[in-house]
């Protein structure tokens, strides 16, 4: 079982349920995003905002997970649960964003480094009229879309396409899909429970890789490592390296 296979299956089941409720739209990104970028001054003030996503007063979740199975991920797929951005004009809504990557050649020696590379890409988006106002370490995301962008047709197809283009540049990435959730606070909170599981797995990996902490009895993530073979294997390899360095 892969590191995020359980969470991926939960999200797949979640989407199946929302499809049955008539909340899901699916698009395919087939090429480079044609929306202009604005790296130096990508600011959207409150008075210029058409849509606000994931305000701290609302529910919000954002996560990245990867699998090593090309049959599971359809490259370029953009799934929207709820209204797209043009239909949300004038609203402040709860927001969920999930990036799922099919990545090859992951092992215990490079998983942490590749996670850090991909995590940076997830937020390295500079589209004109789209501002990521706040990103925390708790799998939340707060962003704004300007009136001008909405008037010019900006949608999740542009945002999802930009994310897919970013990740596709990495040589070990075979396919990418994105999921956006705006249907309700309850739907976002249900997805957040999955993101929280992802966050615990990543936190356990960070603790091992950055702190070289291997005392399972006192670790807050003991239960996580006990359930996931990849983390146990990573722990053993890191522990061997640490033992050699201090021999």
C-alpha atoms as a PDB file:
ATOM      1  CA  UNK A   1       0.000   0.000   0.000  1.00  0.00           C
ATOM      2  CA  UNK A   2       1.287   3.470  -0.905  1.00  0.00           C
ATOM      3  CA  UNK A   3       1.698   6.335   1.505  1.00  0.00           C
ATOM      4  CA  UNK A   4      -1.631   7.991   0.607  1.00  0.00           C
ATOM      5  CA  UNK A   5      -3.565   5.066  -0.892  1.00  0.00           C
ATOM      6  CA  UNK A   6      -6.105   5.042   1.949  1.00  0.00           C
ATOM      7  CA  UNK A   7      -6.730   8.795   1.661  1.00  0.00           C
ATOM      8  CA  UNK A   8      -6.948   8.594  -2.125  1.00  0.00           C
ATOM      9  CA  UNK A   9      -9.599   5.879  -1.888  1.00  0.00           C
ATOM     10  CA  UNK A  10     -11.563   7.963   0.623  1.00  0.00           C
ATOM     11  CA  UNK A  11     -11.519  10.960  -1.724  1.00  0.00           C
ATOM     12  CA  UNK A  12     -12.585   8.746  -4.640  1.00  0.00           C
ATOM     13  CA  UNK A  13     -15.558   7.530  -2.612  1.00  0.00           C
ATOM     14  CA  UNK A  14     -16.314  11.126  -1.586  1.00  0.00           C
ATOM     15  CA  UNK A  15     -16.449  12.193  -5.244  1.00  0.00           C
ATOM     16  CA  UNK A  16     -18.674   9.249  -6.152  1.00  0.00           C
ATOM     17  CA  UNK A  17     -21.154  10.375  -3.497  1.00  0.00           C
ATOM     18  CA  UNK A  18     -21.105  13.992  -4.713  1.00  0.00           C
ATOM     19  CA  UNK A  19     -21.643  12.837  -8.307  1.00  0.00           C
ATOM     20  CA  UNK A  20     -24.743  11.030  -7.142  1.00  0.00           C
ATOM     21  CA  UNK A  21     -25.912  14.309  -5.614  1.00  0.00           C
ATOM     22  CA  UNK A  22     -25.380  16.135  -8.915  1.00  0.00           C
ATOM     23  CA  UNK A  23     -22.660  18.418  -7.536  1.00  0.00           C
ATOM     24  CA  UNK A  24     -19.701  17.425  -9.727  1.00  0.00           C
ATOM     25  CA  UNK A  25     -18.377  18.893 -12.975  1.00  0.00           C
ATOM     26  CA  UNK A  26     -15.306  17.487 -14.733  1.00  0.00           C
ATOM     27  CA  UNK A  27     -13.014  19.151 -17.268  1.00  0.00           C
ATOM     28  CA  UNK A  28      -9.781  18.137 -18.956  1.00  0.00           C
ATOM     29  CA  UNK A  29      -6.749  20.391 -19.261  1.00  0.00           C
ATOM     30  CA  UNK A  30      -5.037  19.643 -22.560  1.00  0.00           C
ATOM     31  CA  UNK A  31      -2.281  22.233 -22.754  1.00  0.00           C
ATOM     32  CA  UNK A  32      -0.625  25.261 -21.251  1.00  0.00           C
ATOM     33  CA  UNK A  33      -2.850  27.650 -19.324  1.00  0.00           C
ATOM     34  CA  UNK A  34      -3.620  30.737 -21.395  1.00  0.00           C
ATOM     35  CA  UNK A  35      -4.287  33.016 -18.414  1.00  0.00           C
ATOM     36  CA  UNK A  36      -1.756  35.878 -17.938  1.00  0.00           C
ATOM     37  CA  UNK A  37       0.597  35.797 -14.978  1.00  0.00           C
ATOM     38  CA  UNK A  38       1.406  38.690 -12.660  1.00  0.00           C
ATOM     39  CA  UNK A  39       4.315  37.796 -10.409  1.00  0.00           C
ATOM     40  CA  UNK A  40       5.400  41.173  -9.087  1.00  0.00           C
ATOM     41  CA  UNK A  41       2.093  42.753  -8.091  1.00  0.00           C
ATOM     42  CA  UNK A  42      -0.557  40.090  -7.656  1.00  0.00           C
ATOM     43  CA  UNK A  43      -2.706  41.974  -5.142  1.00  0.00           C
ATOM     44  CA  UNK A  44      -6.505  41.822  -4.867  1.00  0.00           C
ATOM     45  CA  UNK A  45      -7.959  44.314  -2.405  1.00  0.00           C
ATOM     46  CA  UNK A  46     -11.266  43.669  -0.642  1.00  0.00           C
ATOM     47  CA  UNK A  47     -13.074  46.290  -2.721  1.00  0.00           C
ATOM     48  CA  UNK A  48     -11.842  44.624  -5.908  1.00  0.00           C
ATOM     49  CA  UNK A  49     -12.831  41.110  -4.843  1.00  0.00           C
ATOM     50  CA  UNK A  50     -15.486  39.174  -6.741  1.00  0.00           C
ATOM     51  CA  UNK A  51     -15.045  35.831  -4.941  1.00  0.00           C
ATOM     52  CA  UNK A  52     -13.412  35.041  -1.617  1.00  0.00           C
ATOM     53  CA  UNK A  53     -12.431  31.431  -1.012  1.00  0.00           C
ATOM     54  CA  UNK A  54     -11.681  29.897   2.381  1.00  0.00           C
ATOM     55  CA  UNK A  55     -11.897  33.000   4.567  1.00  0.00           C
ATOM     56  CA  UNK A  56     -10.874  32.170   8.175  1.00  0.00           C
ATOM     57  CA  UNK A  57     -14.552  32.502   9.155  1.00  0.00           C
ATOM     58  CA  UNK A  58     -15.382  29.722   6.690  1.00  0.00           C
ATOM     59  CA  UNK A  59     -14.227  26.138   6.281  1.00  0.00           C
ATOM     60  CA  UNK A  60     -11.063  25.642   4.256  1.00  0.00           C
ATOM     61  CA  UNK A  61      -8.770  22.782   3.341  1.00  0.00           C
ATOM     62  CA  UNK A  62      -5.865  22.279   0.970  1.00  0.00           C
ATOM     63  CA  UNK A  63      -3.756  19.183   0.506  1.00  0.00           C
ATOM     64  CA  UNK A  64      -1.366  17.324  -1.750  1.00  0.00           C
ATOM     65  CA  UNK A  65      -1.173  13.574  -2.074  1.00  0.00           C
ATOM     66  CA  UNK A  66       0.644  11.296  -4.465  1.00  0.00           C
ATOM     67  CA  UNK A  67       0.322   7.718  -5.616  1.00  0.00           C
ATOM     68  CA  UNK A  68       2.549   5.464  -7.680  1.00  0.00           C
ATOM     69  CA  UNK A  69      -0.052   3.981  -9.993  1.00  0.00           C
ATOM     70  CA  UNK A  70      -0.702   5.509 -13.441  1.00  0.00           C
ATOM     71  CA  UNK A  71      -4.032   3.692 -13.715  1.00  0.00           C
ATOM     72  CA  UNK A  72      -5.499   5.684 -10.823  1.00  0.00           C
ATOM     73  CA  UNK A  73      -4.858   9.249 -12.004  1.00  0.00           C
ATOM     74  CA  UNK A  74      -6.217  10.774 -15.217  1.00  0.00           C
ATOM     75  CA  UNK A  75      -3.736  13.402 -16.328  1.00  0.00           C
ATOM     76  CA  UNK A  76      -5.250  16.869 -16.712  1.00  0.00           C
ATOM     77  CA  UNK A  77      -8.530  16.102 -14.971  1.00  0.00           C
ATOM     78  CA  UNK A  78     -10.066  19.071 -13.136  1.00  0.00           C
ATOM     79  CA  UNK A  79     -12.967  18.160 -10.863  1.00  0.00           C
ATOM     80  CA  UNK A  80     -15.227  20.831  -9.388  1.00  0.00           C
ATOM     81  CA  UNK A  81     -17.602  19.973  -6.557  1.00  0.00           C
ATOM     82  CA  UNK A  82     -20.116  22.827  -6.486  1.00  0.00           C
ATOM     83  CA  UNK A  83     -20.300  26.087  -8.445  1.00  0.00           C
ATOM     84  CA  UNK A  84     -17.360  27.293 -10.537  1.00  0.00           C
ATOM     85  CA  UNK A  85     -15.901  30.763  -9.951  1.00  0.00           C
ATOM     86  CA  UNK A  86     -18.089  32.701 -12.440  1.00  0.00           C
ATOM     87  CA  UNK A  87     -21.205  31.389 -10.643  1.00  0.00           C
ATOM     88  CA  UNK A  88     -19.799  32.497  -7.283  1.00  0.00           C
ATOM     89  CA  UNK A  89     -19.424  36.181  -8.142  1.00  0.00           C
ATOM     90  CA  UNK A  90     -20.204  38.357  -5.128  1.00  0.00           C
ATOM     91  CA  UNK A  91     -19.869  35.491  -2.658  1.00  0.00           C
ATOM     92  CA  UNK A  92     -17.589  34.373   0.155  1.00  0.00           C
ATOM     93  CA  UNK A  93     -17.539  30.587   0.362  1.00  0.00           C
ATOM     94  CA  UNK A  94     -15.895  27.662   2.083  1.00  0.00           C
ATOM     95  CA  UNK A  95     -13.188  26.167  -0.097  1.00  0.00           C
ATOM     96  CA  UNK A  96     -11.337  22.934  -0.654  1.00  0.00           C
ATOM     97  CA  UNK A  97      -8.407  22.270  -2.980  1.00  0.00           C
ATOM     98  CA  UNK A  98      -6.751  18.890  -3.464  1.00  0.00           C
ATOM     99  CA  UNK A  99      -3.866  18.119  -5.810  1.00  0.00           C
ATOM    100  CA  UNK A 100      -3.297  14.451  -6.636  1.00  0.00           C
ATOM    101  CA  UNK A 101      -0.113  13.384  -8.404  1.00  0.00           C
ATOM    102  CA  UNK A 102       0.957  10.119  -9.960  1.00  0.00           C
ATOM    103  CA  UNK A 103       4.678  10.141  -9.253  1.00  0.00           C
ATOM    104  CA  UNK A 104       7.288   7.568 -10.224  1.00  0.00           C
ATOM    105  CA  UNK A 105      10.531   6.473  -8.582  1.00  0.00           C
ATOM    106  CA  UNK A 106       9.603   7.409  -5.014  1.00  0.00           C
ATOM    107  CA  UNK A 107      11.476   5.530  -2.316  1.00  0.00           C
ATOM    108  CA  UNK A 108      12.589   6.004   1.272  1.00  0.00           C
ATOM    109  CA  UNK A 109      15.658   7.962   0.194  1.00  0.00           C
ATOM    110  CA  UNK A 110      13.921  10.674  -1.826  1.00  0.00           C
ATOM    111  CA  UNK A 111      10.297  10.877  -0.645  1.00  0.00           C
ATOM    112  CA  UNK A 112      10.923  13.756   1.765  1.00  0.00           C
ATOM    113  CA  UNK A 113      12.874  15.867  -0.742  1.00  0.00           C
ATOM    114  CA  UNK A 114      10.323  15.328  -3.469  1.00  0.00           C
ATOM    115  CA  UNK A 115       7.505  16.178  -1.105  1.00  0.00           C
ATOM    116  CA  UNK A 116       9.182  19.504  -0.345  1.00  0.00           C
ATOM    117  CA  UNK A 117       9.604  20.249  -4.049  1.00  0.00           C
ATOM    118  CA  UNK A 118       5.958  19.542  -4.806  1.00  0.00           C
ATOM    119  CA  UNK A 119       4.685  21.380  -1.747  1.00  0.00           C
ATOM    120  CA  UNK A 120       6.440  24.523  -2.970  1.00  0.00           C
ATOM    121  CA  UNK A 121       4.877  24.144  -6.435  1.00  0.00           C
ATOM    122  CA  UNK A 122       1.410  23.943  -4.915  1.00  0.00           C
ATOM    123  CA  UNK A 123       1.658  27.577  -3.840  1.00  0.00           C
ATOM    124  CA  UNK A 124       3.866  28.951  -6.613  1.00  0.00           C
ATOM    125  CA  UNK A 125       0.888  30.202  -8.633  1.00  0.00           C
ATOM    126  CA  UNK A 126       0.828  33.799  -9.878  1.00  0.00           C
ATOM    127  CA  UNK A 127      -2.219  34.302 -12.068  1.00  0.00           C
ATOM    128  CA  UNK A 128      -3.482  37.799 -12.778  1.00  0.00           C
ATOM    129  CA  UNK A 129      -6.450  38.597 -10.579  1.00  0.00           C
ATOM    130  CA  UNK A 130      -5.941  35.608  -8.280  1.00  0.00           C
ATOM    131  CA  UNK A 131      -4.359  36.183  -4.880  1.00  0.00           C
ATOM    132  CA  UNK A 132      -3.556  33.589  -2.262  1.00  0.00           C
ATOM    133  CA  UNK A 133      -4.120  35.723   0.813  1.00  0.00           C
ATOM    134  CA  UNK A 134      -3.181  33.197   3.440  1.00  0.00           C
ATOM    135  CA  UNK A 135      -1.683  29.725   3.645  1.00  0.00           C
ATOM    136  CA  UNK A 136      -1.007  28.061   6.988  1.00  0.00           C
ATOM    137  CA  UNK A 137       0.628  24.838   8.083  1.00  0.00           C
ATOM    138  CA  UNK A 138      -2.793  23.446   8.975  1.00  0.00           C
ATOM    139  CA  UNK A 139      -3.882  22.547   5.431  1.00  0.00           C
ATOM    140  CA  UNK A 140      -5.887  25.739   4.906  1.00  0.00           C
ATOM    141  CA  UNK A 141      -5.969  28.154   1.995  1.00  0.00           C
ATOM    142  CA  UNK A 142      -7.483  31.626   1.746  1.00  0.00           C
ATOM    143  CA  UNK A 143      -7.639  33.335  -1.631  1.00  0.00           C
ATOM    144  CA  UNK A 144      -9.362  36.084  -3.568  1.00  0.00           C
ATOM    145  CA  UNK A 145     -10.396  36.475  -7.201  1.00  0.00           C
ATOM    146  CA  UNK A 146     -10.787  39.957  -8.634  1.00  0.00           C
ATOM    147  CA  UNK A 147     -13.838  41.404 -10.353  1.00  0.00           C
ATOM    148  CA  UNK A 148     -11.782  41.951 -13.501  1.00  0.00           C
ATOM    149  CA  UNK A 149     -10.657  38.311 -13.583  1.00  0.00           C
ATOM    150  CA  UNK A 150     -14.216  37.015 -13.195  1.00  0.00           C
ATOM    151  CA  UNK A 151     -15.460  39.427 -15.871  1.00  0.00           C
ATOM    152  CA  UNK A 152     -12.763  38.079 -18.193  1.00  0.00           C
ATOM    153  CA  UNK A 153     -13.838  34.489 -17.581  1.00  0.00           C
ATOM    154  CA  UNK A 154     -11.386  33.249 -14.947  1.00  0.00           C
ATOM    155  CA  UNK A 155     -12.438  29.833 -13.659  1.00  0.00           C
ATOM    156  CA  UNK A 156     -11.157  26.771 -11.847  1.00  0.00           C
ATOM    157  CA  UNK A 157     -10.145  25.444 -15.254  1.00  0.00           C
ATOM    158  CA  UNK A 158      -7.474  28.167 -15.352  1.00  0.00           C
ATOM    159  CA  UNK A 159      -6.360  27.600 -11.768  1.00  0.00           C
ATOM    160  CA  UNK A 160      -6.373  23.828 -12.117  1.00  0.00           C
ATOM    161  CA  UNK A 161      -4.572  24.057 -15.455  1.00  0.00           C
ATOM    162  CA  UNK A 162      -1.852  26.255 -13.948  1.00  0.00           C
ATOM    163  CA  UNK A 163      -1.320  23.752 -11.127  1.00  0.00           C
ATOM    164  CA  UNK A 164      -1.195  20.844 -13.565  1.00  0.00           C
ATOM    165  CA  UNK A 165       1.358  22.706 -15.715  1.00  0.00           C
ATOM    166  CA  UNK A 166       3.504  23.390 -12.640  1.00  0.00           C
ATOM    167  CA  UNK A 167       3.621  19.814 -11.452  1.00  0.00           C
ATOM    168  CA  UNK A 168       4.084  18.396 -14.937  1.00  0.00           C
ATOM    169  CA  UNK A 169       7.483  20.098 -15.131  1.00  0.00           C
ATOM    170  CA  UNK A 170       8.903  17.694 -12.560  1.00  0.00           C
ATOM    171  CA  UNK A 171      10.626  14.719 -14.239  1.00  0.00           C
ATOM    172  CA  UNK A 172       9.181  12.182 -11.805  1.00  0.00           C
ATOM    173  CA  UNK A 173       5.564  13.345 -12.247  1.00  0.00           C
ATOM    174  CA  UNK A 174       3.582  11.284 -14.747  1.00  0.00           C
ATOM    175  CA  UNK A 175       0.118  12.752 -14.296  1.00  0.00           C
ATOM    176  CA  UNK A 176      -1.728  15.344 -12.208  1.00  0.00           C
ATOM    177  CA  UNK A 177      -5.340  16.079 -11.373  1.00  0.00           C
ATOM    178  CA  UNK A 178      -6.965  18.751  -9.229  1.00  0.00           C
ATOM    179  CA  UNK A 179     -10.145  18.906  -7.183  1.00  0.00           C
ATOM    180  CA  UNK A 180     -11.911  22.109  -6.079  1.00  0.00           C
ATOM    181  CA  UNK A 181     -14.796  22.145  -3.588  1.00  0.00           C
ATOM    182  CA  UNK A 182     -17.235  25.047  -3.143  1.00  0.00           C
ATOM    183  CA  UNK A 183     -20.557  23.235  -2.687  1.00  0.00           C
ATOM    184  CA  UNK A 184     -21.012  23.736   1.070  1.00  0.00           C
ATOM    185  CA  UNK A 185     -19.242  24.118   4.378  1.00  0.00           C
ATOM    186  CA  UNK A 186     -20.198  20.531   5.222  1.00  0.00           C
ATOM    187  CA  UNK A 187     -18.669  19.163   2.014  1.00  0.00           C
ATOM    188  CA  UNK A 188     -15.440  21.063   2.642  1.00  0.00           C
ATOM    189  CA  UNK A 189     -15.263  19.823   6.240  1.00  0.00           C
ATOM    190  CA  UNK A 190     -15.694  16.233   5.079  1.00  0.00           C
ATOM    191  CA  UNK A 191     -12.779  16.685   2.669  1.00  0.00           C
ATOM    192  CA  UNK A 192     -10.825  18.399   5.452  1.00  0.00           C
ATOM    193  CA  UNK A 193     -10.965  15.204   7.510  1.00  0.00           C
ATOM    194  CA  UNK A 194      -9.022  13.503   4.700  1.00  0.00           C
ATOM    195  CA  UNK A 195      -6.591  16.424   4.472  1.00  0.00           C
ATOM    196  CA  UNK A 196      -6.025  16.153   8.223  1.00  0.00           C
ATOM    197  CA  UNK A 197      -5.014  12.517   7.747  1.00  0.00           C
ATOM    198  CA  UNK A 198      -2.635  13.577   4.965  1.00  0.00           C
ATOM    199  CA  UNK A 199      -1.198  16.255   7.243  1.00  0.00           C
ATOM    200  CA  UNK A 200      -0.486  13.744  10.005  1.00  0.00           C
ATOM    201  CA  UNK A 201       1.358  11.471   7.578  1.00  0.00           C
ATOM    202  CA  UNK A 202       3.429  14.392   6.299  1.00  0.00           C
ATOM    203  CA  UNK A 203       4.082  15.621   9.840  1.00  0.00           C
ATOM    204  CA  UNK A 204       5.354  12.179  10.827  1.00  0.00           C
ATOM    205  CA  UNK A 205       7.635  12.157   7.782  1.00  0.00           C
ATOM    206  CA  UNK A 206       8.887  15.666   8.598  1.00  0.00           C
ATOM    207  CA  UNK A 207       9.631  14.711  12.189  1.00  0.00           C
ATOM    208  CA  UNK A 208      11.727  11.746  11.102  1.00  0.00           C
ATOM    209  CA  UNK A 209      13.579  13.572   8.323  1.00  0.00           C
ATOM    210  CA  UNK A 210      14.170  16.931  10.019  1.00  0.00           C
ATOM    211  CA  UNK A 211      14.542  15.992  13.682  1.00  0.00           C
ATOM    212  CA  UNK A 212      15.927  12.482  13.147  1.00  0.00           C
ATOM    213  CA  UNK A 213      13.615  11.486  15.967  1.00  0.00           C
ATOM    214  CA  UNK A 214      13.133   7.722  16.281  1.00  0.00           C
ATOM    215  CA  UNK A 215      11.750   7.311  19.798  1.00  0.00           C
ATOM    216  CA  UNK A 216       8.418   5.730  18.900  1.00  0.00           C
ATOM    217  CA  UNK A 217       7.209   5.492  22.497  1.00  0.00           C
ATOM    218  CA  UNK A 218       7.194   9.276  22.947  1.00  0.00           C
ATOM    219  CA  UNK A 219       6.272  10.286  19.371  1.00  0.00           C
ATOM    220  CA  UNK A 220       2.900  11.921  18.684  1.00  0.00           C
ATOM    221  CA  UNK A 221       2.719  10.039  15.377  1.00  0.00           C
ATOM    222  CA  UNK A 222       3.282   6.535  16.718  1.00  0.00           C
ATOM    223  CA  UNK A 223      -0.153   5.414  15.514  1.00  0.00           C
ATOM    224  CA  UNK A 224       0.448   6.804  12.027  1.00  0.00           C
ATOM    225  CA  UNK A 225       3.764   5.036  11.469  1.00  0.00           C
ATOM    226  CA  UNK A 226       2.313   1.830  12.853  1.00  0.00           C
ATOM    227  CA  UNK A 227      -0.350   1.805  10.126  1.00  0.00           C
ATOM    228  CA  UNK A 228       1.750   2.866   7.123  1.00  0.00           C
ATOM    229  CA  UNK A 229       4.484   0.534   5.895  1.00  0.00           C
ATOM    230  CA  UNK A 230       6.226   3.277   3.882  1.00  0.00           C
ATOM    231  CA  UNK A 231       6.803   5.365   6.999  1.00  0.00           C
ATOM    232  CA  UNK A 232       8.139   2.385   8.932  1.00  0.00           C
ATOM    233  CA  UNK A 233      10.523   1.609   6.084  1.00  0.00           C
ATOM    234  CA  UNK A 234      11.622   5.257   5.877  1.00  0.00           C
ATOM    235  CA  UNK A 235      12.221   5.299   9.621  1.00  0.00           C
ATOM    236  CA  UNK A 236      14.462   2.226   9.434  1.00  0.00           C
ATOM    237  CA  UNK A 237      16.573   3.699   6.624  1.00  0.00           C
ATOM    238  CA  UNK A 238      16.955   7.071   8.340  1.00  0.00           C
ATOM    239  CA  UNK A 239      17.824   5.379  11.609  1.00  0.00           C
ATOM    240  CA  UNK A 240      20.548   3.329   9.889  1.00  0.00           C
ATOM    241  CA  UNK A 241      22.009   6.491   8.335  1.00  0.00           C
ATOM    242  CA  UNK A 242      21.928   8.280  11.675  1.00  0.00           C
ATOM    243  CA  UNK A 243      23.631   5.336  13.391  1.00  0.00           C
ATOM    244  CA  UNK A 244      26.432   5.323  10.779  1.00  0.00           C
ATOM    245  CA  UNK A 245      26.959   9.080  11.137  1.00  0.00           C
ATOM    246  CA  UNK A 246      27.374   8.780  14.896  1.00  0.00           C
ATOM    247  CA  UNK A 247      29.342   5.535  14.900  1.00  0.00           C
END
